[in-house]
């Protein structure tokens, strides 16, 4: 049911479901982080600065000393062949990489004045600030549409009497409200693939992150659903800083303000998207975007 909710057993089950779906243990309800105290300035968007980032899987170095900046309120696309370190680098931004057994990272990732790898930084707070949308839509299978969006809000301690407003606003933000407003108690997994992905984006924006990371968010979608998600990305950048990993170079050209080309764990080129695709500075970039390798 839509709140108020009083069933403690159901809440415990939902927490278990979230642990299974996301691959990490559910967290107890906590207040949202105080961004000002953490060194994050108030404003519509927040730049991300990556310096000397190295990421390892055991002894294998997948990301090799990257320096890069993701400007506030812009969409940055990351392209490159499989295995070049795109997804690894993105997952380092919200410290998900270290959840993989044997994986570790070094260097700094700064959101405004906050180094997310700094001593004493709360990892849970970092992951609330930096939302993640995955390759395959992953609505929580036992939850309704409403509860899927409300899940993160409950974990951050949002009062039950405020849940409805937050959920409705988030569904409107992703253009899903008109399609689901009459079936909020229906299972989230009953939606189409494109609707499920927008539901997952609504779940991400509901907790009001500062940065949104997207790892191949349209790879499992049909062209019509892909177009709707791309339109949504363009709308969301007014509020968020967005980084999107994609194998689809046409998608990068459509949605991104700037594009990063990665190869063998290193950044080869980072420039305005038009420049990357029409006048690349590096020969390797030119060969990749013209389909000569990759």
Protein backbone atom coordinates (compact mmCIF):
# COMPACT_ATOMS: atom_id res chain seq x y z
CA UNK A 1 0.00 0.00 0.00
CA UNK A 2 0.91 3.62 -0.37
CA UNK A 3 1.94 5.02 3.06
CA UNK A 4 1.47 5.29 5.93
CA UNK A 5 3.15 1.90 6.45
CA UNK A 6 3.26 0.09 9.78
CA UNK A 7 4.29 -3.46 8.93
CA UNK A 8 7.78 -3.97 10.36
CA UNK A 9 8.07 -7.40 8.80
CA UNK A 10 7.35 -5.99 5.36
CA UNK A 11 9.94 -3.27 5.90
CA UNK A 12 12.53 -5.87 6.86
CA UNK A 13 11.72 -7.88 3.76
CA UNK A 14 12.08 -4.78 1.59
CA UNK A 15 15.49 -4.12 3.08
CA UNK A 16 16.51 -7.69 2.23
CA UNK A 17 15.23 -7.22 -1.30
CA UNK A 18 17.31 -4.06 -1.70
CA UNK A 19 20.40 -5.89 -0.51
CA UNK A 20 19.86 -8.62 -3.09
CA UNK A 21 19.04 -6.26 -5.94
CA UNK A 22 21.94 -3.91 -5.43
CA UNK A 23 24.54 -6.42 -4.30
CA UNK A 24 25.31 -4.66 -1.01
CA UNK A 25 23.80 -4.84 2.47
CA UNK A 26 20.83 -2.67 3.30
CA UNK A 27 21.60 0.30 5.50
CA UNK A 28 19.73 1.46 8.58
CA UNK A 29 17.70 4.64 8.28
CA UNK A 30 19.93 7.67 8.68
CA UNK A 31 19.55 11.36 8.09
CA UNK A 32 20.66 12.68 4.71
CA UNK A 33 24.21 14.06 4.74
CA UNK A 34 24.80 17.71 5.56
CA UNK A 35 26.45 18.78 2.32
CA UNK A 36 27.66 22.11 3.66
CA UNK A 37 29.47 20.44 6.54
CA UNK A 38 31.00 17.96 4.10
CA UNK A 39 32.41 20.74 1.91
CA UNK A 40 29.87 20.63 -0.90
CA UNK A 41 28.62 24.06 -1.93
CA UNK A 42 24.95 24.89 -2.35
CA UNK A 43 23.79 25.22 -5.92
CA UNK A 44 22.13 23.51 -8.84
CA UNK A 45 25.04 21.29 -9.79
CA UNK A 46 28.44 20.22 -8.59
CA UNK A 47 31.60 19.60 -10.57
CA UNK A 48 33.58 16.40 -10.14
CA UNK A 49 37.37 16.51 -10.28
CA UNK A 50 39.33 13.28 -10.68
CA UNK A 51 43.07 13.43 -10.06
CA UNK A 52 45.65 10.66 -10.24
CA UNK A 53 42.94 7.99 -10.13
CA UNK A 54 44.20 4.44 -10.28
CA UNK A 55 41.98 1.38 -9.94
CA UNK A 56 43.00 -2.23 -9.51
CA UNK A 57 41.48 -5.69 -9.66
CA UNK A 58 44.03 -7.55 -7.61
CA UNK A 59 47.35 -6.87 -9.36
CA UNK A 60 45.70 -5.79 -12.62
CA UNK A 61 45.66 -2.00 -13.05
CA UNK A 62 42.46 -1.15 -14.92
CA UNK A 63 42.60 2.66 -14.56
CA UNK A 64 46.02 4.25 -14.84
CA UNK A 65 46.42 7.62 -13.20
CA UNK A 66 43.51 9.52 -14.75
CA UNK A 67 43.10 13.29 -14.39
CA UNK A 68 39.74 14.57 -15.57
CA UNK A 69 37.02 17.10 -14.74
CA UNK A 70 33.28 16.63 -15.14
CA UNK A 71 31.71 20.13 -15.25
CA UNK A 72 28.59 20.93 -13.25
CA UNK A 73 25.25 20.76 -15.06
CA UNK A 74 26.72 19.13 -18.11
CA UNK A 75 26.48 15.66 -19.59
CA UNK A 76 29.84 13.98 -20.11
CA UNK A 77 29.90 10.79 -22.19
CA UNK A 78 32.67 8.22 -21.81
CA UNK A 79 33.36 6.07 -24.85
CA UNK A 80 35.95 3.45 -25.67
CA UNK A 81 36.28 -0.26 -26.47
CA UNK A 82 35.24 -2.95 -24.00
CA UNK A 83 37.72 -3.40 -21.18
CA UNK A 84 39.22 0.08 -21.46
CA UNK A 85 38.25 1.05 -17.90
CA UNK A 86 35.14 3.18 -18.55
CA UNK A 87 32.82 1.52 -16.05
CA UNK A 88 35.59 1.01 -13.52
CA UNK A 89 36.44 4.69 -13.54
CA UNK A 90 32.79 5.70 -13.12
CA UNK A 91 32.26 3.29 -10.24
CA UNK A 92 35.26 4.80 -8.47
CA UNK A 93 33.45 8.15 -8.33
CA UNK A 94 30.90 6.89 -5.82
CA UNK A 95 33.23 4.27 -4.31
CA UNK A 96 31.38 1.25 -5.63
CA UNK A 97 34.56 -0.19 -7.12
CA UNK A 98 35.94 -1.11 -3.72
CA UNK A 99 32.92 -3.37 -3.07
CA UNK A 100 34.35 -5.93 -5.50
CA UNK A 101 36.55 -8.49 -3.70
CA UNK A 102 40.21 -7.72 -4.32
CA UNK A 103 39.48 -4.34 -5.92
CA UNK A 104 40.99 -1.08 -4.71
CA UNK A 105 41.49 2.50 -5.85
CA UNK A 106 43.97 5.29 -5.21
CA UNK A 107 44.01 8.99 -6.03
CA UNK A 108 41.35 11.61 -5.38
CA UNK A 109 37.80 12.23 -6.52
CA UNK A 110 36.55 15.63 -5.42
CA UNK A 111 33.01 16.98 -5.47
CA UNK A 112 33.47 20.70 -4.87
CA UNK A 113 35.71 20.68 -1.79
CA UNK A 114 34.94 17.15 -0.65
CA UNK A 115 37.47 14.40 -1.46
CA UNK A 116 35.32 11.27 -1.43
CA UNK A 117 38.45 9.21 -0.68
CA UNK A 118 39.53 11.51 2.15
CA UNK A 119 40.07 10.20 5.69
CA UNK A 120 36.91 9.95 7.73
CA UNK A 121 34.53 10.39 4.77
CA UNK A 122 31.34 8.39 5.22
CA UNK A 123 30.96 6.07 2.21
CA UNK A 124 27.19 5.86 2.66
CA UNK A 125 26.89 9.64 2.41
CA UNK A 126 29.02 9.61 -0.75
CA UNK A 127 26.69 7.10 -2.39
CA UNK A 128 23.68 9.21 -1.52
CA UNK A 129 25.34 12.23 -3.12
CA UNK A 130 26.36 10.30 -6.24
CA UNK A 131 23.51 8.24 -7.66
CA UNK A 132 24.01 5.31 -10.02
CA UNK A 133 21.85 3.99 -12.88
CA UNK A 134 22.87 0.59 -14.14
CA UNK A 135 23.00 -1.07 -17.54
CA UNK A 136 19.99 -3.30 -16.94
CA UNK A 137 16.87 -1.86 -15.31
CA UNK A 138 16.74 -3.28 -11.79
CA UNK A 139 13.45 -2.43 -10.08
CA UNK A 140 13.12 -4.29 -6.80
CA UNK A 141 11.09 -7.35 -7.83
CA UNK A 142 8.79 -7.65 -4.79
CA UNK A 143 7.98 -3.94 -4.57
CA UNK A 144 5.24 -1.82 -6.10
CA UNK A 145 5.99 1.13 -8.38
CA UNK A 146 5.46 3.46 -5.43
CA UNK A 147 7.72 1.49 -3.07
CA UNK A 148 10.48 1.23 -5.68
CA UNK A 149 10.77 5.01 -5.76
CA UNK A 150 10.30 5.31 -1.99
CA UNK A 151 12.96 2.73 -1.13
CA UNK A 152 15.90 5.10 -0.92
CA UNK A 153 13.81 7.72 0.84
CA UNK A 154 12.96 5.24 3.58
CA UNK A 155 16.61 4.38 4.04
CA UNK A 156 17.44 8.05 4.50
CA UNK A 157 14.76 8.45 7.15
CA UNK A 158 12.16 10.41 5.18
CA UNK A 159 8.96 10.67 7.17
CA UNK A 160 6.07 8.55 5.92
CA UNK A 161 3.79 11.57 5.59
CA UNK A 162 6.26 13.14 3.14
CA UNK A 163 6.84 10.03 1.03
CA UNK A 164 3.87 10.53 -1.26
CA UNK A 165 4.96 14.05 -2.25
CA UNK A 166 8.56 12.96 -2.90
CA UNK A 167 7.54 9.92 -4.93
CA UNK A 168 5.05 11.82 -7.07
CA UNK A 169 7.58 14.58 -7.74
CA UNK A 170 10.25 12.07 -8.75
CA UNK A 171 7.91 10.25 -11.13
CA UNK A 172 7.00 13.56 -12.74
CA UNK A 173 10.68 14.47 -13.04
CA UNK A 174 11.34 11.39 -15.19
CA UNK A 175 8.16 11.75 -17.26
CA UNK A 176 6.60 8.59 -15.84
CA UNK A 177 3.77 10.04 -13.77
CA UNK A 178 1.17 10.11 -16.54
CA UNK A 179 1.88 6.47 -17.39
CA UNK A 180 1.73 5.02 -13.87
CA UNK A 181 -0.35 7.36 -11.68
CA UNK A 182 -3.32 4.99 -11.69
CA UNK A 183 -1.31 1.88 -10.81
CA UNK A 184 1.22 2.94 -8.18
CA UNK A 185 0.49 -0.21 -6.18
CA UNK A 186 1.23 -2.49 -9.15
CA UNK A 187 4.58 -4.35 -9.27
CA UNK A 188 7.45 -2.34 -10.71
CA UNK A 189 8.64 -5.31 -12.75
CA UNK A 190 5.35 -5.22 -14.67
CA UNK A 191 6.44 -2.09 -16.54
CA UNK A 192 8.09 -2.16 -19.95
CA UNK A 193 11.88 -2.10 -20.13
CA UNK A 194 12.03 1.61 -20.88
CA UNK A 195 9.56 2.40 -18.11
CA UNK A 196 11.56 0.27 -15.68
CA UNK A 197 14.70 2.21 -16.48
CA UNK A 198 12.92 5.51 -15.91
CA UNK A 199 11.55 4.07 -12.67
CA UNK A 200 15.12 3.33 -11.59
CA UNK A 201 16.13 6.88 -12.51
CA UNK A 202 13.18 8.16 -10.45
CA UNK A 203 14.45 6.08 -7.53
CA UNK A 204 17.85 7.71 -7.98
CA UNK A 205 16.62 11.31 -8.17
CA UNK A 206 14.18 10.81 -5.28
CA UNK A 207 17.01 11.04 -2.73
CA UNK A 208 18.25 14.24 -4.41
CA UNK A 209 21.85 13.33 -5.28
CA UNK A 210 24.31 15.90 -6.58
CA UNK A 211 25.74 13.76 -9.39
CA UNK A 212 24.18 10.97 -11.47
CA UNK A 213 26.33 8.24 -13.01
CA UNK A 214 24.85 6.12 -15.80
CA UNK A 215 26.53 2.93 -16.93
CA UNK A 216 25.17 1.96 -20.37
CA UNK A 217 21.61 2.93 -19.32
CA UNK A 218 20.05 2.28 -22.74
CA UNK A 219 21.87 -0.85 -23.89
CA UNK A 220 18.92 -3.11 -23.03
CA UNK A 221 16.24 -0.78 -24.44
CA UNK A 222 14.54 -0.48 -27.82
CA UNK A 223 15.03 2.67 -29.92
CA UNK A 224 11.83 4.39 -28.73
CA UNK A 225 12.63 3.79 -25.06
CA UNK A 226 16.21 4.87 -25.68
CA UNK A 227 15.02 8.17 -27.15
CA UNK A 228 12.83 8.83 -24.11
CA UNK A 229 15.73 8.21 -21.72
CA UNK A 230 17.99 10.46 -23.82
CA UNK A 231 15.38 13.23 -23.67
CA UNK A 232 15.22 12.73 -19.92
CA UNK A 233 19.00 13.05 -19.60
CA UNK A 234 18.85 16.39 -21.40
CA UNK A 235 16.16 17.58 -18.99
CA UNK A 236 17.95 16.37 -15.87
CA UNK A 237 21.23 18.16 -16.52
CA UNK A 238 19.62 21.45 -15.47
CA UNK A 239 19.71 20.06 -11.94
CA UNK A 240 22.42 17.41 -11.97
CA UNK A 241 25.93 16.73 -13.19
CA UNK A 242 25.65 13.61 -15.36
CA UNK A 243 28.31 11.13 -16.47
CA UNK A 244 27.20 8.45 -18.93
CA UNK A 245 29.19 5.44 -20.11
CA UNK A 246 28.08 4.31 -23.55
CA UNK A 247 29.20 2.08 -26.40
CA UNK A 248 26.78 3.92 -28.67
CA UNK A 249 28.71 6.76 -30.27
CA UNK A 250 25.55 8.16 -31.85
CA UNK A 251 24.08 8.39 -28.37
CA UNK A 252 27.14 10.23 -27.09
CA UNK A 253 26.82 12.66 -29.99
CA UNK A 254 23.15 13.26 -29.18
CA UNK A 255 23.25 13.72 -25.40
CA UNK A 256 26.73 14.79 -24.32
CA UNK A 257 28.18 18.27 -23.98
CA UNK A 258 31.68 16.78 -23.86
CA UNK A 259 33.04 13.33 -24.58
CA UNK A 260 35.91 11.34 -23.10
CA UNK A 261 37.66 8.67 -25.15
CA UNK A 262 39.40 6.02 -23.04
CA UNK A 263 41.82 3.34 -24.14
CA UNK A 264 43.74 0.81 -22.05
CA UNK A 265 42.84 2.48 -18.76
CA UNK A 266 43.87 5.97 -19.84
CA UNK A 267 42.12 9.08 -21.12
CA UNK A 268 43.21 9.66 -24.71
CA UNK A 269 41.05 12.70 -25.37
CA UNK A 270 38.47 14.85 -23.60
CA UNK A 271 36.88 17.64 -25.59
CA UNK A 272 33.52 19.09 -26.65
CA UNK A 273 31.52 16.33 -28.28
CA UNK A 274 31.44 17.95 -31.71
CA UNK A 275 35.23 18.20 -31.69
CA UNK A 276 35.72 14.58 -30.67
CA UNK A 277 33.58 13.33 -33.53
CA UNK A 278 34.44 15.80 -36.28
CA UNK A 279 37.95 17.02 -35.50
CA UNK A 280 39.68 14.74 -32.96
CA UNK A 281 43.16 15.74 -31.86
CA UNK A 282 44.49 12.22 -31.40
CA UNK A 283 44.80 9.71 -34.23
CA UNK A 284 43.56 6.92 -31.94
CA UNK A 285 40.35 8.83 -31.31
CA UNK A 286 39.83 9.34 -35.03
CA UNK A 287 40.33 5.64 -35.69
CA UNK A 288 37.86 4.66 -32.97
CA UNK A 289 35.05 7.06 -33.87
CA UNK A 290 35.31 6.11 -37.54
CA UNK A 291 35.03 2.42 -36.69
CA UNK A 292 38.55 1.39 -37.65
CA UNK A 293 38.98 -0.47 -34.35
CA UNK A 294 37.03 -1.19 -31.17
